[in-house]
Amino acid sequence: MDYRNEIRLIRLPKFRKALMSRAKMRVLLALPVSVKRVLFHGRHYCPICESHIRGFEDFGYDRNQFCPVCSSMQRHRLAWLFFLQKTNLFDCNRKRMLHLAPEVALKPRLKCIPNMDYWTADLQDHKCIVIMDITDIQYPDSTFDIVFCSHVLEHIPDDRKAMRELARVLKPEGWAVFMVPLNAEQTIEDPSITNPAERERLFWQHDHVRLYGPDFKDRLEKEGFKVTVIKPSQIASAEDCMRMGLPIQDSIFFCMKKVS
């Protein structure tokens, strides 16, 4: 993010609180893993970095969110367990994966999977392999075996076009995983709202353009996907959800391409 823009946004309470949490996260990321495992040792468990920790750190106003060792958030740990348990991601067959807005905890683990042609993409992050506008993807139809898109679409004004583009570049036998914040009974959006303070008040973050509800599944289906909704209870017991800091209210939208 442009630091001048961060200064302008500092007046927003949620942004200010999240900024402090990101600073703490950066400090922890700079420490050696071995040191963090000793400092934070305890009964909880992060399935991504396989560390036993005393608990998960708060992020912004949200409690028990990120791992002090690898900085994984609740949703990242849920996605990782889903990949392990419910997909063919680790079967060592050759695949090409498109990972949008790659997370710091997941990127190093995904890129080292055997026989994985791993592509990262973002509109602004120049550390990614590709600078990509997901409403206008520069690749041919049926390019990728896997698409992973987590907490991205709530930032995209034309999310339906992005869904169509991601369906287009997914191979007929491929699969995609979508995750979004689910904070409403039904999706709420108003493209006329552009003020960051109003977006934070109505959509819970200054750069969100909508609040999604469970009807997110219907949007995906209308734009070219067959969708299965996976709940955390299908991946881990209630006890393990607590121990591993999983988001019990979240959903994973596991998608296959509709083939006419």
C-alpha atoms as a PDB file:
ATOM      1  CA  MET A   1       0.000   0.000   0.000  1.00  0.00           C
ATOM      2  CA  ASP A   2       1.055   3.604  -0.664  1.00  0.00           C
ATOM      3  CA  TYR A   3       2.250   4.963   2.692  1.00  0.00           C
ATOM      4  CA  ARG A   4       0.728   8.377   1.911  1.00  0.00           C
ATOM      5  CA  ASN A   5      -2.613   6.666   1.593  1.00  0.00           C
ATOM      6  CA  GLU A   6      -2.053   4.868   4.909  1.00  0.00           C
ATOM      7  CA  ILE A   7      -1.519   8.243   6.588  1.00  0.00           C
ATOM      8  CA  ARG A   8      -4.824   9.495   5.171  1.00  0.00           C
ATOM      9  CA  LEU A   9      -6.633   6.382   6.392  1.00  0.00           C
ATOM     10  CA  ILE A  10      -5.141   6.420   9.893  1.00  0.00           C
ATOM     11  CA  ARG A  11      -8.186   8.315  11.180  1.00  0.00           C
ATOM     12  CA  LEU A  12     -10.388   5.260  10.559  1.00  0.00           C
ATOM     13  CA  PRO A  13     -10.643   3.200  13.783  1.00  0.00           C
ATOM     14  CA  LYS A  14     -10.624  -0.265  12.200  1.00  0.00           C
ATOM     15  CA  PHE A  15      -7.818   0.617   9.813  1.00  0.00           C
ATOM     16  CA  ARG A  16      -5.731   2.075  12.650  1.00  0.00           C
ATOM     17  CA  LYS A  17      -6.216  -1.015  14.800  1.00  0.00           C
ATOM     18  CA  ALA A  18      -5.370  -3.344  11.881  1.00  0.00           C
ATOM     19  CA  LEU A  19      -2.276  -1.278  11.075  1.00  0.00           C
ATOM     20  CA  MET A  20      -0.944  -1.864  14.596  1.00  0.00           C
ATOM     21  CA  SER A  21      -1.591  -5.587  14.241  1.00  0.00           C
ATOM     22  CA  ARG A  22       0.236  -5.717  10.903  1.00  0.00           C
ATOM     23  CA  ALA A  23       3.220  -3.985  12.519  1.00  0.00           C
ATOM     24  CA  LYS A  24       3.289  -6.634  15.246  1.00  0.00           C
ATOM     25  CA  MET A  25       3.005  -9.355  12.610  1.00  0.00           C
ATOM     26  CA  ARG A  26       6.007  -7.956  10.696  1.00  0.00           C
ATOM     27  CA  VAL A  27       8.114  -7.914  13.861  1.00  0.00           C
ATOM     28  CA  LEU A  28       7.247 -11.533  14.594  1.00  0.00           C
ATOM     29  CA  LEU A  29       7.926 -12.611  11.011  1.00  0.00           C
ATOM     30  CA  ALA A  30      11.450 -11.231  11.324  1.00  0.00           C
ATOM     31  CA  LEU A  31      12.268 -13.516  14.272  1.00  0.00           C
ATOM     32  CA  PRO A  32      13.733 -16.998  13.701  1.00  0.00           C
ATOM     33  CA  VAL A  33      11.121 -19.748  13.690  1.00  0.00           C
ATOM     34  CA  SER A  34      13.025 -21.715  16.326  1.00  0.00           C
ATOM     35  CA  VAL A  35      12.937 -18.737  18.689  1.00  0.00           C
ATOM     36  CA  LYS A  36       9.211 -18.174  18.194  1.00  0.00           C
ATOM     37  CA  ARG A  37       8.429 -21.834  18.838  1.00  0.00           C
ATOM     38  CA  VAL A  38      10.153 -21.571  22.215  1.00  0.00           C
ATOM     39  CA  LEU A  39       8.680 -18.183  23.147  1.00  0.00           C
ATOM     40  CA  PHE A  40       5.099 -19.085  22.237  1.00  0.00           C
ATOM     41  CA  HIS A  41       5.045 -22.805  23.042  1.00  0.00           C
ATOM     42  CA  GLY A  42       1.743 -24.137  24.333  1.00  0.00           C
ATOM     43  CA  ARG A  43      -1.273 -26.399  23.775  1.00  0.00           C
ATOM     44  CA  HIS A  44      -2.676 -24.821  20.603  1.00  0.00           C
ATOM     45  CA  TYR A  45      -1.535 -25.966  17.167  1.00  0.00           C
ATOM     46  CA  CYS A  46      -1.010 -24.304  13.793  1.00  0.00           C
ATOM     47  CA  PRO A  47      -1.455 -26.872  10.989  1.00  0.00           C
ATOM     48  CA  ILE A  48       0.406 -24.718   8.463  1.00  0.00           C
ATOM     49  CA  CYS A  49       3.760 -24.297  10.243  1.00  0.00           C
ATOM     50  CA  GLU A  50       3.113 -27.308  12.533  1.00  0.00           C
ATOM     51  CA  SER A  51       3.928 -25.307  15.640  1.00  0.00           C
ATOM     52  CA  HIS A  52       2.534 -25.904  19.123  1.00  0.00           C
ATOM     53  CA  ILE A  53       1.737 -22.469  20.503  1.00  0.00           C
ATOM     54  CA  ARG A  54       0.112 -20.987  23.585  1.00  0.00           C
ATOM     55  CA  GLY A  55      -2.553 -19.218  21.512  1.00  0.00           C
ATOM     56  CA  PHE A  56      -3.286 -17.062  18.496  1.00  0.00           C
ATOM     57  CA  GLU A  57      -2.707 -13.317  18.371  1.00  0.00           C
ATOM     58  CA  ASP A  58      -5.481 -10.750  17.928  1.00  0.00           C
ATOM     59  CA  PHE A  59      -5.703  -8.877  14.637  1.00  0.00           C
ATOM     60  CA  GLY A  60      -7.450  -5.532  14.759  1.00  0.00           C
ATOM     61  CA  TYR A  61     -10.616  -5.979  16.780  1.00  0.00           C
ATOM     62  CA  ASP A  62     -10.800  -9.714  15.977  1.00  0.00           C
ATOM     63  CA  ARG A  63      -9.661 -12.112  18.677  1.00  0.00           C
ATOM     64  CA  ASN A  64      -7.401 -15.165  18.276  1.00  0.00           C
ATOM     65  CA  GLN A  65      -6.558 -14.613  14.628  1.00  0.00           C
ATOM     66  CA  PHE A  66      -2.940 -15.083  13.575  1.00  0.00           C
ATOM     67  CA  CYS A  67      -0.244 -17.598  14.397  1.00  0.00           C
ATOM     68  CA  PRO A  68       2.756 -15.922  16.092  1.00  0.00           C
ATOM     69  CA  VAL A  69       5.121 -18.271  14.233  1.00  0.00           C
ATOM     70  CA  CYS A  70       3.961 -18.147  10.580  1.00  0.00           C
ATOM     71  CA  SER A  71       1.357 -15.329  10.661  1.00  0.00           C
ATOM     72  CA  SER A  72      -1.405 -17.538   9.261  1.00  0.00           C
ATOM     73  CA  MET A  73      -4.911 -16.212   9.857  1.00  0.00           C
ATOM     74  CA  GLN A  74      -7.913 -18.360  10.771  1.00  0.00           C
ATOM     75  CA  ARG A  75      -9.090 -18.646   7.161  1.00  0.00           C
ATOM     76  CA  HIS A  76      -5.617 -19.667   5.950  1.00  0.00           C
ATOM     77  CA  ARG A  77      -5.489 -22.578   8.390  1.00  0.00           C
ATOM     78  CA  LEU A  78      -8.971 -23.672   7.329  1.00  0.00           C
ATOM     79  CA  ALA A  79      -8.011 -23.558   3.645  1.00  0.00           C
ATOM     80  CA  TRP A  80      -4.805 -25.512   4.299  1.00  0.00           C
ATOM     81  CA  LEU A  81      -6.667 -28.287   6.100  1.00  0.00           C
ATOM     82  CA  PHE A  82      -9.198 -28.383   3.281  1.00  0.00           C
ATOM     83  CA  PHE A  83      -6.415 -28.756   0.713  1.00  0.00           C
ATOM     84  CA  LEU A  84      -4.887 -31.573   2.745  1.00  0.00           C
ATOM     85  CA  GLN A  85      -8.085 -33.489   3.386  1.00  0.00           C
ATOM     86  CA  LYS A  86     -10.432 -32.836   0.476  1.00  0.00           C
ATOM     87  CA  THR A  87      -8.389 -32.209  -2.688  1.00  0.00           C
ATOM     88  CA  ASN A  88      -5.751 -33.757  -4.939  1.00  0.00           C
ATOM     89  CA  LEU A  89      -3.355 -30.860  -4.386  1.00  0.00           C
ATOM     90  CA  PHE A  90      -0.631 -33.078  -2.923  1.00  0.00           C
ATOM     91  CA  ASP A  91      -0.890 -36.157  -5.183  1.00  0.00           C
ATOM     92  CA  CYS A  92       2.363 -35.211  -7.009  1.00  0.00           C
ATOM     93  CA  ASN A  93       0.706 -35.116 -10.446  1.00  0.00           C
ATOM     94  CA  ARG A  94       1.679 -32.118 -12.548  1.00  0.00           C
ATOM     95  CA  LYS A  95      -0.616 -29.122 -12.057  1.00  0.00           C
ATOM     96  CA  ARG A  96      -0.703 -25.399 -12.723  1.00  0.00           C
ATOM     97  CA  MET A  97      -2.097 -23.302  -9.878  1.00  0.00           C
ATOM     98  CA  LEU A  98      -3.181 -19.662  -9.908  1.00  0.00           C
ATOM     99  CA  HIS A  99      -3.001 -18.141  -6.423  1.00  0.00           C
ATOM    100  CA  LEU A 100      -4.514 -14.662  -6.184  1.00  0.00           C
ATOM    101  CA  ALA A 101      -3.261 -12.174  -3.581  1.00  0.00           C
ATOM    102  CA  PRO A 102      -0.976 -14.843  -2.059  1.00  0.00           C
ATOM    103  CA  GLU A 103      -0.838 -14.975   1.716  1.00  0.00           C
ATOM    104  CA  VAL A 104       2.532 -14.857   3.476  1.00  0.00           C
ATOM    105  CA  ALA A 105       1.819 -18.057   5.422  1.00  0.00           C
ATOM    106  CA  LEU A 106       0.581 -20.118   2.462  1.00  0.00           C
ATOM    107  CA  LYS A 107       2.780 -18.985  -0.424  1.00  0.00           C
ATOM    108  CA  PRO A 108       6.053 -20.707   0.677  1.00  0.00           C
ATOM    109  CA  ARG A 109       4.237 -23.973   1.358  1.00  0.00           C
ATOM    110  CA  LEU A 110       2.292 -24.044  -1.890  1.00  0.00           C
ATOM    111  CA  LYS A 111       5.242 -23.136  -4.105  1.00  0.00           C
ATOM    112  CA  CYS A 112       7.292 -26.129  -2.925  1.00  0.00           C
ATOM    113  CA  ILE A 113       4.657 -28.796  -3.700  1.00  0.00           C
ATOM    114  CA  PRO A 114       6.232 -31.349  -6.086  1.00  0.00           C
ATOM    115  CA  ASN A 115       5.279 -30.956  -9.774  1.00  0.00           C
ATOM    116  CA  MET A 116       3.381 -27.739  -9.058  1.00  0.00           C
ATOM    117  CA  ASP A 117       3.608 -24.950 -11.627  1.00  0.00           C
ATOM    118  CA  TYR A 118       2.747 -22.251  -9.111  1.00  0.00           C
ATOM    119  CA  TRP A 119       1.647 -18.793 -10.310  1.00  0.00           C
ATOM    120  CA  THR A 120       0.982 -15.882  -7.966  1.00  0.00           C
ATOM    121  CA  ALA A 121      -0.983 -12.864  -9.148  1.00  0.00           C
ATOM    122  CA  ASP A 122      -2.089  -9.521  -7.772  1.00  0.00           C
ATOM    123  CA  LEU A 123      -3.068  -6.155  -9.199  1.00  0.00           C
ATOM    124  CA  GLN A 124      -0.566  -4.206  -7.082  1.00  0.00           C
ATOM    125  CA  ASP A 125       1.949  -6.561  -5.460  1.00  0.00           C
ATOM    126  CA  HIS A 126       5.066  -6.563  -7.669  1.00  0.00           C
ATOM    127  CA  LYS A 127       6.495  -9.502  -5.722  1.00  0.00           C
ATOM    128  CA  CYS A 128       3.941 -11.697  -7.499  1.00  0.00           C
ATOM    129  CA  ILE A 129       4.811 -13.510 -10.695  1.00  0.00           C
ATOM    130  CA  VAL A 130       2.041 -11.737 -12.604  1.00  0.00           C
ATOM    131  CA  ILE A 131       0.414  -8.324 -12.247  1.00  0.00           C
ATOM    132  CA  MET A 132      -3.189  -9.222 -13.005  1.00  0.00           C
ATOM    133  CA  ASP A 133      -6.589  -7.590 -13.213  1.00  0.00           C
ATOM    134  CA  ILE A 134      -8.870 -10.548 -12.553  1.00  0.00           C
ATOM    135  CA  THR A 135     -11.684  -8.915 -14.506  1.00  0.00           C
ATOM    136  CA  ASP A 136      -9.451  -9.053 -17.601  1.00  0.00           C
ATOM    137  CA  ILE A 137      -7.116 -12.053 -17.327  1.00  0.00           C
ATOM    138  CA  GLN A 138      -4.465 -12.215 -20.047  1.00  0.00           C
ATOM    139  CA  TYR A 139      -4.372 -16.017 -20.362  1.00  0.00           C
ATOM    140  CA  PRO A 140      -6.233 -18.356 -22.735  1.00  0.00           C
ATOM    141  CA  ASP A 141      -9.215 -20.472 -21.808  1.00  0.00           C
ATOM    142  CA  SER A 142      -8.506 -23.578 -19.700  1.00  0.00           C
ATOM    143  CA  THR A 143      -5.023 -22.532 -18.551  1.00  0.00           C
ATOM    144  CA  PHE A 144      -5.072 -23.518 -14.865  1.00  0.00           C
ATOM    145  CA  ASP A 145      -5.822 -26.742 -13.016  1.00  0.00           C
ATOM    146  CA  ILE A 146      -6.408 -24.912  -9.736  1.00  0.00           C
ATOM    147  CA  VAL A 147      -7.532 -21.401  -8.792  1.00  0.00           C
ATOM    148  CA  PHE A 148      -7.319 -20.170  -5.196  1.00  0.00           C
ATOM    149  CA  CYS A 149      -9.030 -16.858  -4.485  1.00  0.00           C
ATOM    150  CA  SER A 150      -9.431 -15.943  -0.810  1.00  0.00           C
ATOM    151  CA  HIS A 151     -10.746 -12.618   0.480  1.00  0.00           C
ATOM    152  CA  VAL A 152     -10.292 -10.900  -2.874  1.00  0.00           C
ATOM    153  CA  LEU A 153     -13.719 -10.549  -4.478  1.00  0.00           C
ATOM    154  CA  GLU A 154     -15.099  -8.267  -1.754  1.00  0.00           C
ATOM    155  CA  HIS A 155     -12.596  -5.686  -3.068  1.00  0.00           C
ATOM    156  CA  ILE A 156     -13.621  -5.991  -6.743  1.00  0.00           C
ATOM    157  CA  PRO A 157     -16.369  -3.656  -8.040  1.00  0.00           C
ATOM    158  CA  ASP A 158     -17.369  -6.029 -10.855  1.00  0.00           C
ATOM    159  CA  ASP A 159     -17.038  -9.313  -8.995  1.00  0.00           C
ATOM    160  CA  ARG A 160     -19.299 -11.146 -11.448  1.00  0.00           C
ATOM    161  CA  LYS A 161     -16.946 -10.378 -14.330  1.00  0.00           C
ATOM    162  CA  ALA A 162     -14.026 -11.608 -12.226  1.00  0.00           C
ATOM    163  CA  MET A 163     -15.892 -14.859 -11.542  1.00  0.00           C
ATOM    164  CA  ARG A 164     -16.532 -15.350 -15.260  1.00  0.00           C
ATOM    165  CA  GLU A 165     -12.879 -14.752 -16.072  1.00  0.00           C
ATOM    166  CA  LEU A 166     -11.704 -17.210 -13.418  1.00  0.00           C
ATOM    167  CA  ALA A 167     -14.160 -19.822 -14.707  1.00  0.00           C
ATOM    168  CA  ARG A 168     -12.868 -19.226 -18.228  1.00  0.00           C
ATOM    169  CA  VAL A 169      -9.206 -19.871 -17.393  1.00  0.00           C
ATOM    170  CA  LEU A 170      -9.981 -22.938 -15.257  1.00  0.00           C
ATOM    171  CA  LYS A 171      -9.548 -26.273 -17.026  1.00  0.00           C
ATOM    172  CA  PRO A 172     -12.715 -28.402 -17.449  1.00  0.00           C
ATOM    173  CA  GLU A 173     -11.354 -31.009 -15.024  1.00  0.00           C
ATOM    174  CA  GLY A 174      -9.890 -28.402 -12.659  1.00  0.00           C
ATOM    175  CA  TRP A 175     -11.185 -26.926  -9.431  1.00  0.00           C
ATOM    176  CA  ALA A 176     -11.276 -23.586  -7.658  1.00  0.00           C
ATOM    177  CA  VAL A 177     -11.554 -22.505  -4.041  1.00  0.00           C
ATOM    178  CA  PHE A 178     -13.178 -19.203  -3.123  1.00  0.00           C
ATOM    179  CA  MET A 179     -13.403 -17.667   0.318  1.00  0.00           C
ATOM    180  CA  VAL A 180     -14.976 -14.341   1.256  1.00  0.00           C
ATOM    181  CA  PRO A 181     -16.069 -12.712   4.522  1.00  0.00           C
ATOM    182  CA  LEU A 182     -19.684 -13.732   5.158  1.00  0.00           C
ATOM    183  CA  ASN A 183     -21.139 -10.933   7.263  1.00  0.00           C
ATOM    184  CA  ALA A 184     -24.698 -10.499   6.016  1.00  0.00           C
ATOM    185  CA  GLU A 185     -27.846 -12.575   5.609  1.00  0.00           C
ATOM    186  CA  GLN A 186     -27.854 -11.517   1.960  1.00  0.00           C
ATOM    187  CA  THR A 187     -25.221  -9.686  -0.071  1.00  0.00           C
ATOM    188  CA  ILE A 188     -25.310  -5.911   0.408  1.00  0.00           C
ATOM    189  CA  GLU A 189     -23.627  -3.561  -2.048  1.00  0.00           C
ATOM    190  CA  ASP A 190     -23.917  -0.002  -3.273  1.00  0.00           C
ATOM    191  CA  PRO A 191     -21.435   1.114  -5.969  1.00  0.00           C
ATOM    192  CA  SER A 192     -22.167   4.755  -5.205  1.00  0.00           C
ATOM    193  CA  ILE A 193     -20.399   4.420  -1.839  1.00  0.00           C
ATOM    194  CA  THR A 194     -16.759   5.290  -2.424  1.00  0.00           C
ATOM    195  CA  ASN A 195     -15.826   7.143   0.758  1.00  0.00           C
ATOM    196  CA  PRO A 196     -13.429   4.968   2.840  1.00  0.00           C
ATOM    197  CA  ALA A 197     -15.100   5.904   6.121  1.00  0.00           C
ATOM    198  CA  GLU A 198     -18.535   4.957   4.790  1.00  0.00           C
ATOM    199  CA  ARG A 199     -17.170   1.712   3.379  1.00  0.00           C
ATOM    200  CA  GLU A 200     -15.664   0.870   6.747  1.00  0.00           C
ATOM    201  CA  ARG A 201     -18.962   1.620   8.471  1.00  0.00           C
ATOM    202  CA  LEU A 202     -21.175  -0.280   6.032  1.00  0.00           C
ATOM    203  CA  PHE A 203     -18.856  -2.967   4.617  1.00  0.00           C
ATOM    204  CA  TRP A 204     -16.547  -3.346   7.653  1.00  0.00           C
ATOM    205  CA  GLN A 205     -13.344  -2.334   5.849  1.00  0.00           C
ATOM    206  CA  HIS A 206     -12.298   0.819   4.046  1.00  0.00           C
ATOM    207  CA  ASP A 207     -11.535  -0.972   0.761  1.00  0.00           C
ATOM    208  CA  HIS A 208     -14.458  -3.410   0.695  1.00  0.00           C
ATOM    209  CA  VAL A 209     -17.205  -2.686  -1.822  1.00  0.00           C
ATOM    210  CA  ARG A 210     -19.839  -5.081  -0.430  1.00  0.00           C
ATOM    211  CA  LEU A 211     -20.829  -7.417   2.379  1.00  0.00           C
ATOM    212  CA  TYR A 212     -21.415 -10.957   1.149  1.00  0.00           C
ATOM    213  CA  GLY A 213     -24.044 -13.341   2.422  1.00  0.00           C
ATOM    214  CA  PRO A 214     -24.608 -17.053   1.760  1.00  0.00           C
ATOM    215  CA  ASP A 215     -26.028 -16.083  -1.653  1.00  0.00           C
ATOM    216  CA  PHE A 216     -22.385 -15.777  -2.736  1.00  0.00           C
ATOM    217  CA  LYS A 217     -22.862 -19.391  -3.858  1.00  0.00           C
ATOM    218  CA  ASP A 218     -25.632 -18.288  -6.247  1.00  0.00           C
ATOM    219  CA  ARG A 219     -23.356 -15.655  -7.789  1.00  0.00           C
ATOM    220  CA  LEU A 220     -20.667 -18.223  -8.483  1.00  0.00           C
ATOM    221  CA  GLU A 221     -23.172 -20.613 -10.034  1.00  0.00           C
ATOM    222  CA  LYS A 222     -24.587 -17.917 -12.313  1.00  0.00           C
ATOM    223  CA  GLU A 223     -21.094 -17.121 -13.601  1.00  0.00           C
ATOM    224  CA  GLY A 224     -19.999 -20.599 -14.635  1.00  0.00           C
ATOM    225  CA  PHE A 225     -19.264 -22.752 -11.581  1.00  0.00           C
ATOM    226  CA  LYS A 226     -20.738 -25.808  -9.913  1.00  0.00           C
ATOM    227  CA  VAL A 227     -20.403 -25.072  -6.212  1.00  0.00           C
ATOM    228  CA  THR A 228     -20.141 -27.174  -3.061  1.00  0.00           C
ATOM    229  CA  VAL A 229     -20.177 -25.305   0.246  1.00  0.00           C
ATOM    230  CA  ILE A 230     -17.832 -26.788   2.865  1.00  0.00           C
ATOM    231  CA  LYS A 231     -18.222 -25.901   6.545  1.00  0.00           C
ATOM    232  CA  PRO A 232     -15.402 -26.081   9.118  1.00  0.00           C
ATOM    233  CA  SER A 233     -17.305 -28.855  10.913  1.00  0.00           C
ATOM    234  CA  GLN A 234     -16.721 -31.030   7.822  1.00  0.00           C
ATOM    235  CA  ILE A 235     -12.973 -30.572   8.242  1.00  0.00           C
ATOM    236  CA  ALA A 236     -12.341 -30.563  11.992  1.00  0.00           C
ATOM    237  CA  SER A 237     -14.156 -31.333  15.223  1.00  0.00           C
ATOM    238  CA  ALA A 238     -15.320 -28.485  17.461  1.00  0.00           C
ATOM    239  CA  GLU A 239     -12.418 -29.250  19.819  1.00  0.00           C
ATOM    240  CA  ASP A 240      -9.876 -29.140  16.977  1.00  0.00           C
ATOM    241  CA  CYS A 241     -11.409 -25.924  15.626  1.00  0.00           C
ATOM    242  CA  MET A 242     -10.627 -24.319  18.981  1.00  0.00           C
ATOM    243  CA  ARG A 243      -7.162 -25.863  19.239  1.00  0.00           C
ATOM    244  CA  MET A 244      -6.172 -24.799  15.710  1.00  0.00           C
ATOM    245  CA  GLY A 245      -7.915 -21.446  15.716  1.00  0.00           C
ATOM    246  CA  LEU A 246     -10.340 -22.102  12.847  1.00  0.00           C
ATOM    247  CA  PRO A 247     -13.202 -19.781  11.872  1.00  0.00           C
ATOM    248  CA  ILE A 248     -16.303 -21.773  12.793  1.00  0.00           C
ATOM    249  CA  GLN A 249     -18.664 -19.394  10.924  1.00  0.00           C
ATOM    250  CA  ASP A 250     -16.742 -19.358   7.628  1.00  0.00           C
ATOM    251  CA  SER A 251     -17.401 -21.383   4.489  1.00  0.00           C
ATOM    252  CA  ILE A 252     -15.224 -22.722   1.710  1.00  0.00           C
ATOM    253  CA  PHE A 253     -16.768 -22.546  -1.757  1.00  0.00           C
ATOM    254  CA  PHE A 254     -15.331 -25.485  -3.682  1.00  0.00           C
ATOM    255  CA  CYS A 255     -16.011 -25.051  -7.381  1.00  0.00           C
ATOM    256  CA  MET A 256     -15.831 -27.034 -10.564  1.00  0.00           C
ATOM    257  CA  LYS A 257     -16.228 -25.528 -14.008  1.00  0.00           C
ATOM    258  CA  LYS A 258     -19.625 -25.942 -15.654  1.00  0.00           C
ATOM    259  CA  VAL A 259     -19.072 -27.703 -18.956  1.00  0.00           C
ATOM    260  CA  SER A 260     -21.818 -27.303 -21.534  1.00  0.00           C
END
